[in-house]
Structure formats: C-alpha cells, structure tokens
Amino acid sequence: MARRFWAVVAALWLSACGGSAERDRADDERAGAGGTSATPVEPASLPLMDWPWFVGRTAVYAQDGVLSFSFEAGDTRVQLQTHHHFDLLAGHQALHFVAAANRPASMLASFTGLAAFEGDYWSDLAAGKPWLVAPFEVGVEQKSYDLPLESFSAQGPGTPLPMFEGGTVIWFLIENASGLDLALSEISLK
C-alpha cells in the first residue's frame, strides 16, 4: 500500500514539475550519484530550452527551439521561471540566451533557491530581501546575451536571497510587459 502511495506521489510530482522519469534519470546522472543533492553539475554547457518555463502556474514549452510569450495590454511585473532540484550554477560562469521583442523592454535575469519558487521579486525587494539580478535591454533585433554569474547583484538594501538553496530557480523578470511579444532561445548555462 505504501509503495503504491509513493508511486502516485512521484507521478504527480513529475507531472507538476513538467518532468519525466527518463529526463529525471538523465538529470540525476548529470547531478551525480546524489541525484537531487548539491553535487556540482559540470557539463560545458547546460541547455535549458527543453524544460518547461512558467508564467505564474502556466507552463510554456519551446516550439522549434523558441519560447514565445505574448502579454496583454496592462500586464505588468511578469516573472518567467524554470527550476531544478540541484545546483545548476556549479561549474558554470554565465547565463547565455538569445532574445528579441516587438518593442524595447528592460528586463532582469535572476537565480534564486527553491524557497523563492513561488516568490515575487518586487515584493521581496520591498521587504528587504533582494534577489541577485543582472539587468539587460531587449530590442526588436535578435541579440545574443552572455550574463556573467559574477555580475548578478542586489538592486536594493537588505540581505540577498541565495542563488542556490535546495535547488535553483532561473528567472526572467519584466517590470512593464504591457503589449510585449517576447522570444527567447538558446537558453543555457556556460
């Protein structure tokens, strides 16, 4: 009875996180024998395009290698994120991606531990719990970005949230997403 219960729990967790048993086994192999521990991941590049990306609780998957987002007029403070249950940053130096939009937009990239999975950047910032972020501008022309992990910094007072704690969440934050059409591709850690 207990074994069946845990099999159902595992299946529900996998579907909620957008995982699959095969993908998780591959992730465990990359993470080492400890699987979901803080064991460093050491590939030259860790592609993140095959993972589900979330806007709130809505999962978005890449189509033909591109994540496409369209935001309604009046949409503000949008957070895009994906996560995993091991230290994605270990052994990597930069976040790489390609981006373009229908209009210029100011954005932030960030990494937090899993504790902030359902957090809100702007609420945490106002509460004195800033996230480490790297600002960048996206324009109408497709552009490649390499944001060094050492360049991520707090944009306000307080003690910054850790970039790894029980796992890693990768965020793209948009203060004013009103009417924005955004395309992201080639997201990886290098």
Foldseek 3Di string as FASTA:
>chain_A
DVVVVVVVVVVVVCVQQVHDPVRQVVQQVQQPVVRLEQRARADPKFFDQQGWKDWQSDTFHDDPQKTKDWDAAPDFWIKIKHKGQYEQCGNFWWKKKKKAKPAKFKKKKFKAECVCVVPGQVVCQVVQAHTFIDIDMHYHDIDMDTGTPVNGHGPHHHHYGDRYDSIMMIIMIGGHNHRMMMMMGRTMTD
